[in-house]
Amino acid sequence: MTDTAQDRAVKNYRKRLQQRGLARFEVLGLAGDRKLIRSLAKRLAEDGPESKRLRATVSQTLTDEAPRRGGIYAALRRSPMVGAGIKVRREMTTGRKVDL
């Protein structure tokens, strides 16, 4: 059984997609959402900072979990300024007089 030119073309196309880390799959949805789903898939396939933000937003929207505690602390710990030895001090004052 021989492969036709079209079969080889499809096989090569799928191999190139796989090398780029992409996968072809089928989803079911409303006909009116076709353009939305395709544009979302295209933006996610770009794999840049915008796609990461979009992926996080969609994931957070679709999950019913509450945001994890300590998110701000974890973000601060990932900061490049960690370990820089910066000392932040607040000036202590006696305050001001207020007439009541």
Protein backbone atom coordinates (compact mmCIF):
# COMPACT_ATOMS: atom_id res chain seq x y z
CA MET A 1 0.00 0.00 0.00
CA THR A 2 1.58 3.28 -1.08
CA ASP A 3 1.15 6.71 0.37
CA THR A 4 -0.41 9.31 -1.82
CA ALA A 5 1.13 12.76 -2.08
CA GLN A 6 -1.65 14.13 0.11
CA ASP A 7 -1.01 11.53 2.82
CA ARG A 8 2.71 12.37 2.83
CA ALA A 9 1.93 16.10 2.98
CA VAL A 10 -0.35 15.62 6.00
CA LYS A 11 2.23 13.40 7.72
CA ASN A 12 5.01 15.95 7.11
CA TYR A 13 2.78 18.81 8.31
CA ARG A 14 1.98 17.00 11.55
CA LYS A 15 5.65 16.17 12.06
CA ARG A 16 6.58 19.86 11.68
CA LEU A 17 3.88 20.81 14.18
CA GLN A 18 5.21 18.28 16.66
CA GLN A 19 8.76 19.62 16.27
CA ARG A 20 7.46 23.09 17.16
CA GLY A 21 5.79 21.67 20.27
CA LEU A 22 2.29 22.08 18.88
CA ALA A 23 -0.52 19.54 18.66
CA ARG A 24 -3.54 19.47 16.42
CA PHE A 25 -6.80 18.59 18.14
CA GLU A 26 -10.51 18.88 17.63
CA VAL A 27 -12.98 20.61 19.90
CA LEU A 28 -16.73 20.91 19.88
CA GLY A 29 -18.38 24.24 20.35
CA LEU A 30 -21.00 26.63 19.07
CA ALA A 31 -20.64 27.76 15.48
CA GLY A 32 -20.67 31.38 16.62
CA ASP A 33 -17.61 30.77 18.82
CA ARG A 34 -15.43 29.42 16.00
CA LYS A 35 -13.62 32.70 15.38
CA LEU A 36 -13.09 33.25 19.12
CA ILE A 37 -11.68 29.75 19.71
CA ARG A 38 -9.37 29.98 16.71
CA SER A 39 -8.03 33.39 17.72
CA LEU A 40 -7.51 32.16 21.30
CA ALA A 41 -5.65 29.07 20.06
CA LYS A 42 -3.50 31.18 17.75
CA ARG A 43 -2.54 33.59 20.56
CA LEU A 44 -1.73 30.71 22.92
CA ALA A 45 0.44 29.01 20.28
CA GLU A 46 2.69 32.10 20.02
CA ASP A 47 4.10 31.26 23.49
CA GLY A 48 5.23 34.77 24.41
CA PRO A 49 4.61 36.92 27.50
CA GLU A 50 1.15 37.89 26.23
CA SER A 51 0.19 34.23 25.76
CA LYS A 52 1.39 33.42 29.28
CA ARG A 53 -0.78 36.20 30.70
CA LEU A 54 -3.73 35.04 28.61
CA ARG A 55 -3.20 31.41 29.64
CA ALA A 56 -3.11 32.39 33.33
CA THR A 57 -6.25 34.53 33.00
CA VAL A 58 -8.22 31.80 31.24
CA SER A 59 -7.02 29.13 33.66
CA GLN A 60 -7.95 31.25 36.67
CA THR A 61 -11.35 32.04 35.17
CA LEU A 62 -12.14 28.40 34.45
CA THR A 63 -11.08 27.02 37.82
CA ASP A 64 -13.34 27.55 40.79
CA GLU A 65 -10.44 27.53 43.25
CA ALA A 66 -9.78 30.53 45.41
CA PRO A 67 -6.43 32.22 44.81
CA ARG A 68 -3.65 30.69 46.86
CA ARG A 69 -2.48 32.52 49.94
CA GLY A 70 0.98 34.01 49.91
CA GLY A 71 0.99 35.01 46.25
CA ILE A 72 2.36 38.49 46.92
CA TYR A 73 5.01 37.13 49.26
CA ALA A 74 6.08 34.54 46.68
CA ALA A 75 6.30 37.24 44.00
CA LEU A 76 8.47 39.40 46.25
CA ARG A 77 10.74 36.43 46.98
CA ARG A 78 11.24 35.94 43.20
CA SER A 79 12.30 39.57 42.82
CA PRO A 80 15.83 40.20 41.54
CA MET A 81 16.32 42.57 44.49
CA VAL A 82 16.26 39.69 47.00
CA GLY A 83 19.58 39.56 48.79
CA ALA A 84 20.65 43.02 47.60
CA GLY A 85 21.01 44.21 51.19
CA ILE A 86 18.63 47.14 50.84
CA LYS A 87 17.62 48.59 54.19
CA VAL A 88 14.29 50.36 54.21
CA ARG A 89 13.69 52.54 57.25
CA ARG A 90 10.73 54.63 58.18
CA GLU A 91 11.25 57.92 59.97
CA MET A 92 9.54 57.91 63.31
CA THR A 93 7.77 61.17 64.27
CA THR A 94 5.65 62.16 67.22
CA GLY A 95 2.77 63.08 65.00
CA ARG A 96 0.83 66.31 64.71
CA LYS A 97 -1.62 68.10 66.96
CA VAL A 98 -5.24 68.04 65.93
CA ASP A 99 -7.95 70.29 67.36
CA LEU A 100 -11.11 68.34 68.04
